[in-house]
Structures are given as structure tokens and as C-alpha cells.
Amino acid sequence: MPPAFGALDSGGGGGAAPTAMPKMLCCQCGVAIDHNPTSMCAQCLALRVDVTEGIATQLIVHRCRGCERWLKPGWMVADLESAELMTICLKKVG
């Protein structure tokens, strides 16, 4: 085996040695990061990519002023900020 390749051998007995991925610089801000397909750090990625693209961010949910029930279809009792109201909203989005 050539000496250049022997230097990479861990001498651990034939198994493939785990290698650490080299760090790279974020293409936007220059901070050292682990390699990823976007070549951006998490902060730059969050600033430049809209993860809600294609998903409705606003919807209308009807509530009766008299009995304070929600239309889902059919009227359902649900408190504000409750799991039941979240279920109604998520079903309308999906």
C-alpha cells in the first residue's frame, strides 16, 4: 500500500474508520458549519427561506355569538386556545 493511503488507515483491524466531516463556511455570513446541501447556517437559512410557502397562513373560522360554538361542519364547543379549536383549524388548513 502506498504511504499516502497508509496514513489514512486507523490500524483498527480492517473496519472502516469513522471520519469526521470537515467544517465549511456559511455562504452568507462566513461562520464555520458542518457541511449541508444549502451551504448555509441555520440562522441564514431561517432568514432566507419561507417554510410556510404554499401553506395558508390565514383562514376564517366561524363562531356563533349567541352560544359561542365553532362551525366545523356542525357546531362544536371549544375554548379559545384549546386542543379542540386547534383541531378545527388544522382540519380547515389541510
N, C-alpha and C. Protein backbone atom coordinates (compact mmCIF):
# COMPACT_ATOMS: atom_id res chain seq x y z
N MET A 1 0.85 -1.18 0.00
CA MET A 1 0.00 0.00 0.00
C MET A 1 0.89 1.23 0.00
N PRO A 2 0.59 2.22 -0.81
CA PRO A 2 1.40 3.44 -0.85
C PRO A 2 1.33 4.16 0.49
N PRO A 3 2.40 4.86 0.90
CA PRO A 3 2.42 5.54 2.19
C PRO A 3 1.31 6.57 2.36
N ALA A 4 0.87 7.24 1.28
CA ALA A 4 -0.17 8.25 1.40
C ALA A 4 -1.47 7.64 1.89
N PHE A 5 -1.79 6.42 1.43
CA PHE A 5 -3.01 5.77 1.87
C PHE A 5 -2.84 5.15 3.24
N GLY A 6 -1.63 4.73 3.58
CA GLY A 6 -1.38 4.14 4.89
C GLY A 6 -1.59 5.14 6.00
N ALA A 7 -1.39 6.43 5.74
CA ALA A 7 -1.58 7.45 6.75
C ALA A 7 -3.05 7.59 7.13
N LEU A 8 -3.97 7.21 6.21
CA LEU A 8 -5.39 7.31 6.49
C LEU A 8 -5.90 6.11 7.27
N ASP A 9 -5.13 5.01 7.28
CA ASP A 9 -5.55 3.81 7.95
C ASP A 9 -5.49 4.01 9.45
N SER A 10 -6.55 3.62 10.14
CA SER A 10 -6.59 3.80 11.58
C SER A 10 -5.86 2.70 12.31
N GLY A 11 -5.53 1.61 11.61
CA GLY A 11 -4.87 0.49 12.25
C GLY A 11 -5.81 -0.27 13.15
N GLY A 12 -7.10 -0.10 12.97
CA GLY A 12 -8.09 -0.71 13.85
C GLY A 12 -8.49 -2.11 13.44
N GLY A 13 -7.86 -2.69 12.48
CA GLY A 13 -8.16 -4.08 12.18
C GLY A 13 -9.16 -4.28 11.07
N GLY A 14 -9.06 -3.58 9.98
CA GLY A 14 -9.83 -3.90 8.80
C GLY A 14 -11.17 -3.20 8.66
N GLY A 15 -11.74 -2.66 9.71
CA GLY A 15 -13.02 -1.98 9.60
C GLY A 15 -12.84 -0.57 9.09
N ALA A 16 -13.90 -0.03 8.54
CA ALA A 16 -13.83 1.35 8.04
C ALA A 16 -13.82 2.29 9.25
N ALA A 17 -12.86 3.16 9.29
CA ALA A 17 -12.76 4.10 10.40
C ALA A 17 -13.75 5.24 10.20
N PRO A 18 -14.48 5.65 11.24
CA PRO A 18 -15.38 6.79 11.10
C PRO A 18 -14.57 8.06 10.87
N THR A 19 -14.98 8.83 9.90
CA THR A 19 -14.27 10.07 9.61
C THR A 19 -15.17 11.24 9.91
N ALA A 20 -14.61 12.26 10.49
CA ALA A 20 -15.38 13.46 10.81
C ALA A 20 -15.49 14.31 9.55
N MET A 21 -16.69 14.83 9.32
CA MET A 21 -16.89 15.71 8.17
C MET A 21 -16.17 17.02 8.44
N PRO A 22 -15.48 17.53 7.46
CA PRO A 22 -14.79 18.80 7.65
C PRO A 22 -15.80 19.95 7.75
N LYS A 23 -15.41 20.98 8.44
CA LYS A 23 -16.25 22.18 8.56
C LYS A 23 -16.16 22.98 7.27
N MET A 24 -17.18 23.76 7.02
CA MET A 24 -17.18 24.67 5.87
C MET A 24 -17.72 26.01 6.35
N LEU A 25 -17.58 27.01 5.53
CA LEU A 25 -18.07 28.34 5.89
C LEU A 25 -19.45 28.56 5.27
N CYS A 26 -20.33 29.19 6.04
CA CYS A 26 -21.65 29.57 5.53
C CYS A 26 -21.45 30.52 4.35
N CYS A 27 -22.19 30.28 3.28
CA CYS A 27 -22.01 31.10 2.08
C CYS A 27 -22.53 32.53 2.25
N GLN A 28 -23.31 32.79 3.32
CA GLN A 28 -23.86 34.12 3.53
C GLN A 28 -23.07 34.92 4.57
N CYS A 29 -22.80 34.30 5.73
CA CYS A 29 -22.19 35.07 6.82
C CYS A 29 -20.76 34.63 7.15
N GLY A 30 -20.34 33.46 6.67
CA GLY A 30 -18.98 33.03 6.86
C GLY A 30 -18.68 32.30 8.16
N VAL A 31 -19.70 31.93 8.94
CA VAL A 31 -19.46 31.19 10.17
C VAL A 31 -19.17 29.73 9.82
N ALA A 32 -18.32 29.06 10.62
CA ALA A 32 -17.98 27.66 10.37
C ALA A 32 -19.16 26.76 10.73
N ILE A 33 -19.57 25.89 9.78
CA ILE A 33 -20.70 24.99 9.98
C ILE A 33 -20.34 23.61 9.47
N ASP A 34 -21.12 22.60 9.87
CA ASP A 34 -21.00 21.27 9.27
C ASP A 34 -21.54 21.36 7.85
N HIS A 35 -21.02 20.50 6.98
CA HIS A 35 -21.46 20.51 5.59
C HIS A 35 -22.95 20.19 5.51
N ASN A 36 -23.68 20.94 4.68
CA ASN A 36 -25.08 20.65 4.38
C ASN A 36 -25.36 21.08 2.96
N PRO A 37 -26.44 20.60 2.35
CA PRO A 37 -26.72 20.88 0.93
C PRO A 37 -26.90 22.36 0.60
N THR A 38 -27.34 23.17 1.54
CA THR A 38 -27.58 24.57 1.25
C THR A 38 -26.34 25.44 1.44
N SER A 39 -25.35 24.92 2.13
CA SER A 39 -24.13 25.66 2.46
C SER A 39 -24.42 26.90 3.29
N MET A 40 -25.51 26.86 4.07
CA MET A 40 -25.88 27.98 4.92
C MET A 40 -26.05 27.51 6.36
N CYS A 41 -25.75 28.42 7.31
CA CYS A 41 -26.00 28.13 8.71
C CYS A 41 -27.51 28.23 8.96
N ALA A 42 -27.94 27.74 10.12
CA ALA A 42 -29.37 27.73 10.44
C ALA A 42 -29.97 29.13 10.48
N GLN A 43 -29.21 30.10 11.00
CA GLN A 43 -29.73 31.46 11.10
C GLN A 43 -29.95 32.07 9.72
N CYS A 44 -28.97 31.93 8.82
CA CYS A 44 -29.12 32.48 7.47
C CYS A 44 -30.22 31.76 6.71
N LEU A 45 -30.33 30.45 6.90
CA LEU A 45 -31.37 29.69 6.23
C LEU A 45 -32.75 30.15 6.69
N ALA A 46 -32.92 30.38 7.99
CA ALA A 46 -34.20 30.84 8.51
C ALA A 46 -34.57 32.22 7.98
N LEU A 47 -33.58 33.07 7.74
CA LEU A 47 -33.85 34.41 7.22
C LEU A 47 -34.21 34.42 5.74
N ARG A 48 -33.72 33.44 4.99
CA ARG A 48 -33.87 33.48 3.53
C ARG A 48 -34.87 32.49 2.96
N VAL A 49 -35.34 31.54 3.75
CA VAL A 49 -36.24 30.51 3.24
C VAL A 49 -37.57 30.61 3.99
N ASP A 50 -38.67 30.68 3.26
CA ASP A 50 -40.00 30.74 3.85
C ASP A 50 -40.57 29.32 3.89
N VAL A 51 -40.61 28.72 5.08
CA VAL A 51 -41.10 27.35 5.20
C VAL A 51 -42.62 27.27 5.09
N THR A 52 -43.31 28.40 5.17
CA THR A 52 -44.77 28.41 5.05
C THR A 52 -45.24 28.63 3.62
N GLU A 53 -44.31 28.68 2.67
CA GLU A 53 -44.70 28.90 1.27
C GLU A 53 -45.61 27.77 0.81
N GLY A 54 -46.75 28.12 0.25
CA GLY A 54 -47.70 27.14 -0.23
C GLY A 54 -48.70 26.66 0.82
N ILE A 55 -48.57 27.14 2.06
CA ILE A 55 -49.49 26.77 3.13
C ILE A 55 -50.27 28.02 3.53
N ALA A 56 -51.56 27.87 3.70
CA ALA A 56 -52.39 29.00 4.10
C ALA A 56 -51.98 29.45 5.51
N THR A 57 -51.69 30.72 5.67
CA THR A 57 -51.31 31.24 6.98
C THR A 57 -52.47 31.98 7.65
N GLN A 58 -53.56 32.17 6.92
CA GLN A 58 -54.76 32.79 7.48
C GLN A 58 -55.97 32.02 6.99
N LEU A 59 -56.97 31.88 7.85
CA LEU A 59 -58.21 31.25 7.45
C LEU A 59 -59.34 31.82 8.28
N ILE A 60 -60.54 31.57 7.85
CA ILE A 60 -61.72 32.06 8.56
C ILE A 60 -62.41 30.89 9.22
N VAL A 61 -62.64 31.03 10.52
CA VAL A 61 -63.38 30.04 11.29
C VAL A 61 -64.58 30.77 11.89
N HIS A 62 -65.75 30.24 11.65
CA HIS A 62 -66.98 30.91 12.09
C HIS A 62 -67.34 30.49 13.50
N ARG A 63 -67.77 31.50 14.32
CA ARG A 63 -68.16 31.27 15.71
C ARG A 63 -69.50 31.95 15.95
N CYS A 64 -70.41 31.24 16.56
CA CYS A 64 -71.73 31.79 16.89
C CYS A 64 -71.58 32.75 18.06
N ARG A 65 -72.12 33.96 17.92
CA ARG A 65 -72.03 34.94 19.00
C ARG A 65 -72.96 34.59 20.16
N GLY A 66 -74.03 33.85 19.86
CA GLY A 66 -75.00 33.51 20.91
C GLY A 66 -74.52 32.38 21.80
N CYS A 67 -74.15 31.25 21.20
CA CYS A 67 -73.77 30.08 22.01
C CYS A 67 -72.26 29.86 22.06
N GLU A 68 -71.51 30.67 21.32
CA GLU A 68 -70.06 30.61 21.27
C GLU A 68 -69.52 29.25 20.85
N ARG A 69 -70.24 28.60 19.92
CA ARG A 69 -69.77 27.34 19.35
C ARG A 69 -69.10 27.63 18.02
N TRP A 70 -68.26 26.70 17.60
CA TRP A 70 -67.49 26.84 16.36
C TRP A 70 -68.08 25.94 15.28
N LEU A 71 -68.10 26.45 14.03
CA LEU A 71 -68.61 25.69 12.90
C LEU A 71 -67.48 24.88 12.31
N LYS A 72 -67.69 23.55 12.21
CA LYS A 72 -66.55 22.72 11.76
C LYS A 72 -66.78 21.83 10.57
N PRO A 73 -67.69 21.33 9.94
CA PRO A 73 -69.14 21.49 9.87
C PRO A 73 -69.83 20.81 11.05
N GLY A 74 -70.95 21.38 11.37
CA GLY A 74 -71.61 21.06 12.63
C GLY A 74 -71.03 21.99 13.68
N TRP A 75 -71.78 22.29 14.70
CA TRP A 75 -71.33 23.23 15.71
C TRP A 75 -70.67 22.48 16.85
N MET A 76 -69.53 22.98 17.30
CA MET A 76 -68.75 22.30 18.32
C MET A 76 -68.34 23.29 19.40
N VAL A 77 -68.39 22.86 20.65
CA VAL A 77 -67.94 23.68 21.77
C VAL A 77 -66.43 23.52 21.91
N ALA A 78 -65.72 24.65 21.95
CA ALA A 78 -64.27 24.62 22.14
C ALA A 78 -63.83 25.94 22.75
N ASP A 79 -63.03 25.88 23.79
CA ASP A 79 -62.49 27.08 24.41
C ASP A 79 -61.40 27.68 23.53
N LEU A 80 -61.17 28.98 23.70
CA LEU A 80 -60.06 29.62 23.00
C LEU A 80 -58.76 28.97 23.44
N GLU A 81 -57.82 28.80 22.53
CA GLU A 81 -56.52 28.19 22.77
C GLU A 81 -56.61 26.76 23.29
N SER A 82 -57.65 26.04 22.90
CA SER A 82 -57.80 24.66 23.34
C SER A 82 -57.36 23.70 22.23
N ALA A 83 -57.15 22.46 22.61
CA ALA A 83 -56.77 21.43 21.63
C ALA A 83 -57.89 21.21 20.62
N GLU A 84 -59.14 21.32 21.06
CA GLU A 84 -60.28 21.13 20.17
C GLU A 84 -60.32 22.21 19.08
N LEU A 85 -60.09 23.46 19.47
CA LEU A 85 -60.08 24.55 18.50
C LEU A 85 -58.89 24.41 17.54
N MET A 86 -57.75 23.96 18.04
CA MET A 86 -56.60 23.71 17.18
C MET A 86 -56.92 22.64 16.15
N THR A 87 -57.65 21.61 16.56
CA THR A 87 -58.05 20.54 15.65
C THR A 87 -58.95 21.09 14.54
N ILE A 88 -59.90 21.94 14.91
CA ILE A 88 -60.79 22.55 13.91
C ILE A 88 -59.97 23.35 12.89
N CYS A 89 -59.04 24.15 13.38
CA CYS A 89 -58.23 24.99 12.49
C CYS A 89 -57.34 24.15 11.58
N LEU A 90 -56.72 23.14 12.12
CA LEU A 90 -55.82 22.30 11.31
C LEU A 90 -56.59 21.54 10.24
N LYS A 91 -57.83 21.12 10.54
CA LYS A 91 -58.63 20.43 9.53
C LYS A 91 -59.02 21.38 8.42
N LYS A 92 -59.23 22.66 8.74
CA LYS A 92 -59.56 23.64 7.69
C LYS A 92 -58.36 23.93 6.80
N VAL A 93 -57.15 23.94 7.37
CA VAL A 93 -55.95 24.20 6.58
C VAL A 93 -55.66 23.05 5.65
N GLY A 94 -55.81 21.84 6.14
CA GLY A 94 -55.45 20.63 5.38
C GLY A 94 -56.48 20.20 4.46
